[in-house]
Every structure is written in C-alpha cells, then in structure tokens.
Amino acid sequence: MTYLFLAIAIVTEVFATTMLKMSDSFTRPLPGLLSVCGYSLSFFALSFALRVMSTGVAYAIWSGVGIVLISAISWVVFRQALDAPAMIGLGLIIAGVVVVNLFSHTVSH
C-alpha cells in the first residue's frame, strides 16, 4: 500500500503541475483550481506513504519520478524540448531512484 499511495502522490503532483502551466499564472480559473486540488491530493497521499517510508527516501522518489514524468509531458504537450545536458540529468535522477529502491535499507517494501 505504501507504494500505491506514493504512486498516487506522484501522478496527482504531475497532474497539478501540468494544470499549473495551463493556468497561465492563475489567469485561467479552472486549470488553477485543478492545480490546487491536485497538489492537495498529492500531499494527502504522500502523507500516507510517509507513515511507513522514510521521509527522505519517499521525497526522493516522489520528486525524482515527478521530474521525469513532467519533463516528458512538457515535451509532448507543450513542445518543450530538452537538450543533451537536461537528458543526462534526467538519466542521473532515474539512476538515483533505482539505486535508492534497489540498494537502500531505509526503503520499506
């Protein structure tokens, strides 16, 4: 269940960030409202993951996976291309999340 709550936190945070971009600095009410709701739900779900998982590890996974997903969405939806250093950085983030999950003893499975 811990990873389910963490996955919900990640997906809702990525949704909220996408809506934040679409809100055009909160000048468009519906995307702005959806952004606030998405972030609220994300933090709510993250709080359940934190009952079992260490805060640092949960946050590293939440933010790392979120960065990769929102970068992919930004590329597809908003046509925001990434250069080579950005792609390398995203690869390092993915590697870090994998290392934490496979080798850290602080992750609860």
C-alpha atoms as a PDB file:
ATOM      1  CA  MET A   1       0.000   0.000   0.000  1.00  0.00           C
ATOM      2  CA  THR A   2       2.894   2.379   0.662  1.00  0.00           C
ATOM      3  CA  TYR A   3       3.951   2.388  -2.966  1.00  0.00           C
ATOM      4  CA  LEU A   4       0.342   2.756  -4.095  1.00  0.00           C
ATOM      5  CA  PHE A   5      -0.001   5.921  -2.025  1.00  0.00           C
ATOM      6  CA  LEU A   6       3.355   7.143  -3.309  1.00  0.00           C
ATOM      7  CA  ALA A   7       2.271   6.463  -6.916  1.00  0.00           C
ATOM      8  CA  ILE A   8      -0.971   8.391  -6.341  1.00  0.00           C
ATOM      9  CA  ALA A   9       1.067  11.260  -4.870  1.00  0.00           C
ATOM     10  CA  ILE A  10       3.346  11.294  -7.907  1.00  0.00           C
ATOM     11  CA  VAL A  11       0.561  11.134 -10.506  1.00  0.00           C
ATOM     12  CA  THR A  12      -1.524  13.832  -8.817  1.00  0.00           C
ATOM     13  CA  GLU A  13       1.525  16.082  -8.427  1.00  0.00           C
ATOM     14  CA  VAL A  14       2.357  15.715 -12.127  1.00  0.00           C
ATOM     15  CA  PHE A  15      -1.286  16.448 -12.994  1.00  0.00           C
ATOM     16  CA  ALA A  16      -1.228  19.512 -10.707  1.00  0.00           C
ATOM     17  CA  THR A  17       1.985  20.816 -12.268  1.00  0.00           C
ATOM     18  CA  THR A  18       0.533  20.369 -15.754  1.00  0.00           C
ATOM     19  CA  MET A  19      -2.583  22.279 -14.696  1.00  0.00           C
ATOM     20  CA  LEU A  20      -0.374  24.975 -13.144  1.00  0.00           C
ATOM     21  CA  LYS A  21       1.261  25.522 -16.532  1.00  0.00           C
ATOM     22  CA  MET A  22      -2.154  25.555 -18.226  1.00  0.00           C
ATOM     23  CA  SER A  23      -3.491  28.061 -15.665  1.00  0.00           C
ATOM     24  CA  ASP A  24      -1.247  30.753 -17.190  1.00  0.00           C
ATOM     25  CA  SER A  25      -0.237  32.176 -13.791  1.00  0.00           C
ATOM     26  CA  PHE A  26      -3.733  31.513 -12.401  1.00  0.00           C
ATOM     27  CA  THR A  27      -5.398  33.720 -15.028  1.00  0.00           C
ATOM     28  CA  ARG A  28      -7.459  30.716 -16.155  1.00  0.00           C
ATOM     29  CA  PRO A  29      -9.641  29.671 -13.198  1.00  0.00           C
ATOM     30  CA  LEU A  30     -10.388  26.015 -13.988  1.00  0.00           C
ATOM     31  CA  PRO A  31      -6.790  24.860 -14.526  1.00  0.00           C
ATOM     32  CA  GLY A  32      -5.791  26.937 -11.481  1.00  0.00           C
ATOM     33  CA  LEU A  33      -8.402  25.248  -9.301  1.00  0.00           C
ATOM     34  CA  LEU A  34      -7.459  21.811 -10.635  1.00  0.00           C
ATOM     35  CA  SER A  35      -3.821  22.573  -9.827  1.00  0.00           C
ATOM     36  CA  VAL A  36      -4.596  23.443  -6.201  1.00  0.00           C
ATOM     37  CA  CYS A  37      -6.799  20.337  -5.861  1.00  0.00           C
ATOM     38  CA  GLY A  38      -4.128  18.144  -7.441  1.00  0.00           C
ATOM     39  CA  TYR A  39      -1.397  19.404  -5.110  1.00  0.00           C
ATOM     40  CA  SER A  40      -3.693  18.939  -2.107  1.00  0.00           C
ATOM     41  CA  LEU A  41      -4.455  15.347  -3.085  1.00  0.00           C
ATOM     42  CA  SER A  42      -0.780  14.722  -3.787  1.00  0.00           C
ATOM     43  CA  PHE A  43       0.287  15.838  -0.311  1.00  0.00           C
ATOM     44  CA  PHE A  44      -2.570  13.876   1.254  1.00  0.00           C
ATOM     45  CA  ALA A  45      -1.455  10.669  -0.497  1.00  0.00           C
ATOM     46  CA  LEU A  46       2.197  11.386   0.298  1.00  0.00           C
ATOM     47  CA  SER A  47       1.318  11.681   3.988  1.00  0.00           C
ATOM     48  CA  PHE A  48       0.093   8.068   3.952  1.00  0.00           C
ATOM     49  CA  ALA A  49       3.295   6.869   2.283  1.00  0.00           C
ATOM     50  CA  LEU A  50       5.288   8.672   4.992  1.00  0.00           C
ATOM     51  CA  ARG A  51       3.671   6.507   7.676  1.00  0.00           C
ATOM     52  CA  VAL A  52       5.925   3.639   6.585  1.00  0.00           C
ATOM     53  CA  MET A  53       8.606   5.057   4.302  1.00  0.00           C
ATOM     54  CA  SER A  54      11.396   7.349   5.467  1.00  0.00           C
ATOM     55  CA  THR A  55      10.776  10.981   4.555  1.00  0.00           C
ATOM     56  CA  GLY A  56      13.998  11.430   2.592  1.00  0.00           C
ATOM     57  CA  VAL A  57      13.521   8.312   0.506  1.00  0.00           C
ATOM     58  CA  ALA A  58       9.830   8.999  -0.153  1.00  0.00           C
ATOM     59  CA  TYR A  59      10.587  12.572  -1.175  1.00  0.00           C
ATOM     60  CA  ALA A  60      13.477  11.480  -3.409  1.00  0.00           C
ATOM     61  CA  ILE A  61      11.244   9.019  -5.248  1.00  0.00           C
ATOM     62  CA  TRP A  62       8.275  11.430  -5.358  1.00  0.00           C
ATOM     63  CA  SER A  63      10.281  14.318  -6.723  1.00  0.00           C
ATOM     64  CA  GLY A  64      12.576  12.261  -8.976  1.00  0.00           C
ATOM     65  CA  VAL A  65       9.830  10.344 -10.734  1.00  0.00           C
ATOM     66  CA  GLY A  66       7.728  13.515 -10.862  1.00  0.00           C
ATOM     67  CA  ILE A  67      10.532  15.442 -12.570  1.00  0.00           C
ATOM     68  CA  VAL A  68      10.948  12.774 -15.217  1.00  0.00           C
ATOM     69  CA  LEU A  69       7.191  12.496 -15.856  1.00  0.00           C
ATOM     70  CA  ILE A  70       6.554  16.241 -16.008  1.00  0.00           C
ATOM     71  CA  SER A  71       9.540  16.631 -18.358  1.00  0.00           C
ATOM     72  CA  ALA A  72       8.021  14.013 -20.672  1.00  0.00           C
ATOM     73  CA  ILE A  73       4.592  15.667 -20.514  1.00  0.00           C
ATOM     74  CA  SER A  74       6.135  19.085 -21.162  1.00  0.00           C
ATOM     75  CA  TRP A  75       7.900  17.689 -24.222  1.00  0.00           C
ATOM     76  CA  VAL A  76       4.753  16.048 -25.640  1.00  0.00           C
ATOM     77  CA  VAL A  77       2.035  18.525 -24.623  1.00  0.00           C
ATOM     78  CA  PHE A  78       3.842  21.870 -24.539  1.00  0.00           C
ATOM     79  CA  ARG A  79       6.569  21.072 -27.110  1.00  0.00           C
ATOM     80  CA  GLN A  80       9.298  21.995 -24.618  1.00  0.00           C
ATOM     81  CA  ALA A  81      12.373  20.166 -25.897  1.00  0.00           C
ATOM     82  CA  LEU A  82      15.203  19.062 -23.637  1.00  0.00           C
ATOM     83  CA  ASP A  83      18.861  19.481 -24.586  1.00  0.00           C
ATOM     84  CA  ALA A  84      21.575  16.877 -24.016  1.00  0.00           C
ATOM     85  CA  PRO A  85      22.604  18.093 -20.524  1.00  0.00           C
ATOM     86  CA  ALA A  86      18.950  18.014 -19.412  1.00  0.00           C
ATOM     87  CA  MET A  87      18.554  14.462 -20.722  1.00  0.00           C
ATOM     88  CA  ILE A  88      21.741  13.378 -18.952  1.00  0.00           C
ATOM     89  CA  GLY A  89      20.495  14.966 -15.735  1.00  0.00           C
ATOM     90  CA  LEU A  90      17.157  13.151 -16.028  1.00  0.00           C
ATOM     91  CA  GLY A  91      19.061   9.910 -16.578  1.00  0.00           C
ATOM     92  CA  LEU A  92      21.011  10.541 -13.383  1.00  0.00           C
ATOM     93  CA  ILE A  93      17.769  11.189 -11.495  1.00  0.00           C
ATOM     94  CA  ILE A  94      16.354   7.893 -12.753  1.00  0.00           C
ATOM     95  CA  ALA A  95      19.571   6.115 -11.760  1.00  0.00           C
ATOM     96  CA  GLY A  96      19.368   7.650  -8.295  1.00  0.00           C
ATOM     97  CA  VAL A  97      15.792   6.494  -7.783  1.00  0.00           C
ATOM     98  CA  VAL A  98      16.743   2.975  -8.920  1.00  0.00           C
ATOM     99  CA  VAL A  99      19.745   2.869  -6.559  1.00  0.00           C
ATOM    100  CA  VAL A 100      17.627   4.032  -3.610  1.00  0.00           C
ATOM    101  CA  ASN A 101      14.960   1.427  -4.319  1.00  0.00           C
ATOM    102  CA  LEU A 102      17.273  -1.499  -5.004  1.00  0.00           C
ATOM    103  CA  PHE A 103      20.070  -0.963  -2.516  1.00  0.00           C
ATOM    104  CA  SER A 104      18.911   1.249   0.359  1.00  0.00           C
ATOM    105  CA  HIS A 105      17.864  -0.422   3.586  1.00  0.00           C
ATOM    106  CA  THR A 106      15.740   2.585   4.514  1.00  0.00           C
ATOM    107  CA  VAL A 107      13.104   1.752   1.893  1.00  0.00           C
ATOM    108  CA  SER A 108      10.179  -0.272   3.207  1.00  0.00           C
ATOM    109  CA  HIS A 109       8.938  -2.892   0.766  1.00  0.00           C
END
